[in-house]
Amino acid sequence: MGVRFVGYDGMTSVPFLIDKPALENNGVIAATESSLLAAFDVSRKLIYDAAREVYSQARQTSYRITVEDMK
C-alpha cells in the first residue's frame, strides 16, 4: 500500500510508488486513503527530493520510494 505518482524527465513519464511506511516517516498515521494522500501532501518536497535521488541511481521502468530513501 502506498501512493503512486508520476514524475517527468523531459517528455518521458516516470512512475513512482511511495510505500505507506515512508509516508508515515514524519509521524503521520496513514490508515485511510485520504490520510495517505494527506501524508503525501505534507511531505511533498521530501518525497520529490527522494524521487530525484532514486531516479538518478539507475534507469528502471518504475521506482519505489522506501523509508530508507526518505532520510
N, C-alpha and C. Protein backbone atom coordinates (compact mmCIF):
# COMPACT_ATOMS: atom_id res chain seq x y z
N MET A 1 0.85 -1.17 0.00
CA MET A 1 0.00 0.00 0.00
C MET A 1 0.89 1.24 0.00
N GLY A 2 0.45 2.26 -0.66
CA GLY A 2 1.20 3.50 -0.75
C GLY A 2 0.50 4.44 -1.70
N VAL A 3 1.26 5.39 -2.21
CA VAL A 3 0.72 6.37 -3.16
C VAL A 3 1.56 6.31 -4.43
N ARG A 4 0.89 6.20 -5.55
CA ARG A 4 1.56 6.24 -6.85
C ARG A 4 1.50 7.66 -7.38
N PHE A 5 2.59 8.08 -8.01
CA PHE A 5 2.61 9.39 -8.67
C PHE A 5 3.55 9.32 -9.86
N VAL A 6 3.44 10.29 -10.73
CA VAL A 6 4.23 10.32 -11.95
C VAL A 6 5.09 11.56 -11.96
N GLY A 7 6.37 11.36 -12.22
CA GLY A 7 7.29 12.47 -12.46
C GLY A 7 7.61 12.51 -13.94
N TYR A 8 8.35 13.51 -14.35
CA TYR A 8 8.70 13.64 -15.76
C TYR A 8 10.18 13.97 -15.91
N ASP A 9 10.79 13.35 -16.90
CA ASP A 9 12.15 13.67 -17.32
C ASP A 9 12.02 14.11 -18.77
N GLY A 10 11.91 15.42 -18.96
CA GLY A 10 11.60 15.93 -20.29
C GLY A 10 10.20 15.49 -20.67
N MET A 11 10.09 14.73 -21.75
CA MET A 11 8.78 14.26 -22.22
C MET A 11 8.49 12.83 -21.75
N THR A 12 9.39 12.25 -20.97
CA THR A 12 9.24 10.87 -20.51
C THR A 12 8.56 10.81 -19.15
N SER A 13 7.48 10.02 -19.06
CA SER A 13 6.80 9.79 -17.78
C SER A 13 7.62 8.82 -16.94
N VAL A 14 7.71 9.11 -15.65
CA VAL A 14 8.48 8.27 -14.73
C VAL A 14 7.56 7.90 -13.56
N PRO A 15 7.07 6.64 -13.51
CA PRO A 15 6.15 6.24 -12.44
C PRO A 15 6.88 5.91 -11.13
N PHE A 16 6.28 6.35 -10.03
CA PHE A 16 6.82 6.11 -8.69
C PHE A 16 5.73 5.54 -7.80
N LEU A 17 6.16 4.77 -6.80
CA LEU A 17 5.31 4.33 -5.70
C LEU A 17 6.05 4.66 -4.42
N ILE A 18 5.41 5.40 -3.54
CA ILE A 18 6.00 5.63 -2.21
C ILE A 18 5.25 4.74 -1.23
N ASP A 19 5.99 3.92 -0.51
CA ASP A 19 5.42 2.97 0.45
C ASP A 19 4.73 3.70 1.60
N LYS A 20 3.72 3.04 2.16
CA LYS A 20 3.00 3.57 3.32
C LYS A 20 3.93 3.89 4.48
N PRO A 21 4.86 2.99 4.86
CA PRO A 21 5.77 3.34 5.96
C PRO A 21 6.61 4.59 5.68
N ALA A 22 6.98 4.80 4.43
CA ALA A 22 7.75 6.00 4.09
C ALA A 22 6.89 7.25 4.26
N LEU A 23 5.59 7.14 3.97
CA LEU A 23 4.68 8.27 4.17
C LEU A 23 4.48 8.55 5.65
N GLU A 24 4.57 7.52 6.47
CA GLU A 24 4.37 7.68 7.91
C GLU A 24 5.66 8.07 8.63
N ASN A 25 6.72 8.26 7.89
CA ASN A 25 8.04 8.57 8.44
C ASN A 25 8.06 9.83 9.30
N ASN A 26 7.18 10.79 9.00
CA ASN A 26 7.12 12.05 9.77
C ASN A 26 6.16 11.97 10.94
N GLY A 27 5.76 10.76 11.33
CA GLY A 27 4.88 10.60 12.48
C GLY A 27 3.41 10.65 12.14
N VAL A 28 3.06 10.77 10.87
CA VAL A 28 1.67 10.79 10.44
C VAL A 28 1.20 9.34 10.29
N ILE A 29 0.04 9.02 10.85
CA ILE A 29 -0.53 7.68 10.69
C ILE A 29 -1.45 7.71 9.49
N ALA A 30 -1.15 6.88 8.50
CA ALA A 30 -1.91 6.87 7.25
C ALA A 30 -2.75 5.60 7.20
N ALA A 31 -3.95 5.66 7.78
CA ALA A 31 -4.80 4.48 7.89
C ALA A 31 -5.87 4.40 6.80
N THR A 32 -6.17 5.52 6.17
CA THR A 32 -7.20 5.56 5.13
C THR A 32 -6.62 6.18 3.86
N GLU A 33 -7.36 6.06 2.78
CA GLU A 33 -6.91 6.66 1.53
C GLU A 33 -6.69 8.16 1.68
N SER A 34 -7.63 8.83 2.32
CA SER A 34 -7.49 10.29 2.48
C SER A 34 -6.31 10.65 3.39
N SER A 35 -6.04 9.83 4.41
CA SER A 35 -4.89 10.13 5.27
C SER A 35 -3.57 9.82 4.56
N LEU A 36 -3.55 8.82 3.67
CA LEU A 36 -2.36 8.57 2.84
C LEU A 36 -2.07 9.77 1.95
N LEU A 37 -3.11 10.29 1.31
CA LEU A 37 -2.92 11.44 0.42
C LEU A 37 -2.53 12.69 1.21
N ALA A 38 -3.10 12.85 2.40
CA ALA A 38 -2.73 13.99 3.25
C ALA A 38 -1.26 13.88 3.68
N ALA A 39 -0.82 12.67 4.02
CA ALA A 39 0.58 12.46 4.39
C ALA A 39 1.49 12.76 3.21
N PHE A 40 1.06 12.40 2.01
CA PHE A 40 1.83 12.71 0.80
C PHE A 40 1.95 14.23 0.64
N ASP A 41 0.85 14.93 0.79
CA ASP A 41 0.87 16.40 0.64
C ASP A 41 1.78 17.06 1.66
N VAL A 42 1.75 16.58 2.90
CA VAL A 42 2.59 17.16 3.97
C VAL A 42 4.07 17.00 3.65
N SER A 43 4.43 15.88 3.06
CA SER A 43 5.84 15.56 2.81
C SER A 43 6.25 15.71 1.34
N ARG A 44 5.46 16.43 0.57
CA ARG A 44 5.67 16.52 -0.88
C ARG A 44 7.11 16.89 -1.27
N LYS A 45 7.69 17.90 -0.65
CA LYS A 45 9.05 18.32 -1.02
C LYS A 45 10.06 17.21 -0.72
N LEU A 46 9.96 16.59 0.45
CA LEU A 46 10.86 15.48 0.79
C LEU A 46 10.68 14.30 -0.17
N ILE A 47 9.45 14.04 -0.54
CA ILE A 47 9.16 12.94 -1.47
C ILE A 47 9.77 13.23 -2.83
N TYR A 48 9.61 14.45 -3.32
CA TYR A 48 10.19 14.81 -4.62
C TYR A 48 11.71 14.73 -4.58
N ASP A 49 12.31 15.15 -3.47
CA ASP A 49 13.77 15.05 -3.33
C ASP A 49 14.20 13.58 -3.36
N ALA A 50 13.48 12.72 -2.64
CA ALA A 50 13.80 11.29 -2.62
C ALA A 50 13.60 10.68 -4.01
N ALA A 51 12.55 11.11 -4.70
CA ALA A 51 12.29 10.60 -6.05
C ALA A 51 13.43 10.96 -7.00
N ARG A 52 13.91 12.19 -6.92
CA ARG A 52 15.04 12.60 -7.76
C ARG A 52 16.27 11.74 -7.47
N GLU A 53 16.52 11.48 -6.20
CA GLU A 53 17.68 10.68 -5.81
C GLU A 53 17.55 9.23 -6.30
N VAL A 54 16.38 8.63 -6.09
CA VAL A 54 16.15 7.25 -6.52
C VAL A 54 16.26 7.16 -8.04
N TYR A 55 15.70 8.11 -8.75
CA TYR A 55 15.72 8.12 -10.21
C TYR A 55 17.15 8.26 -10.74
N SER A 56 17.96 9.04 -10.06
CA SER A 56 19.32 9.29 -10.55
C SER A 56 20.25 8.08 -10.37
N GLN A 57 19.87 7.13 -9.54
CA GLN A 57 20.75 5.98 -9.25
C GLN A 57 20.79 4.97 -10.38
N ALA A 58 19.68 4.72 -11.04
CA ALA A 58 19.63 3.74 -12.13
C ALA A 58 18.34 3.92 -12.92
N ARG A 59 18.39 3.64 -14.19
CA ARG A 59 17.19 3.75 -15.03
C ARG A 59 16.40 2.45 -14.93
N GLN A 60 15.11 2.58 -14.61
CA GLN A 60 14.21 1.45 -14.46
C GLN A 60 12.88 1.81 -15.11
N THR A 61 11.96 0.86 -15.16
CA THR A 61 10.64 1.15 -15.72
C THR A 61 9.73 1.80 -14.69
N SER A 62 9.99 1.57 -13.40
CA SER A 62 9.25 2.24 -12.33
C SER A 62 10.15 2.28 -11.10
N TYR A 63 9.78 3.12 -10.14
CA TYR A 63 10.63 3.35 -8.97
C TYR A 63 9.80 3.26 -7.71
N ARG A 64 10.42 2.73 -6.66
CA ARG A 64 9.77 2.60 -5.35
C ARG A 64 10.56 3.41 -4.34
N ILE A 65 9.86 4.22 -3.57
CA ILE A 65 10.48 5.03 -2.52
C ILE A 65 10.15 4.37 -1.18
N THR A 66 11.18 4.06 -0.42
CA THR A 66 11.02 3.38 0.87
C THR A 66 11.41 4.32 2.01
N VAL A 67 11.25 3.85 3.23
CA VAL A 67 11.63 4.63 4.41
C VAL A 67 13.09 5.04 4.32
N GLU A 68 13.95 4.13 3.88
CA GLU A 68 15.38 4.42 3.79
C GLU A 68 15.66 5.58 2.83
N ASP A 69 14.85 5.71 1.80
CA ASP A 69 15.03 6.79 0.82
C ASP A 69 14.61 8.15 1.37
N MET A 70 13.82 8.16 2.43
CA MET A 70 13.27 9.41 2.98
C MET A 70 14.18 10.02 4.03
N LYS A 71 15.38 9.50 4.22
CA LYS A 71 16.28 10.02 5.25
C LYS A 71 17.18 11.08 4.71
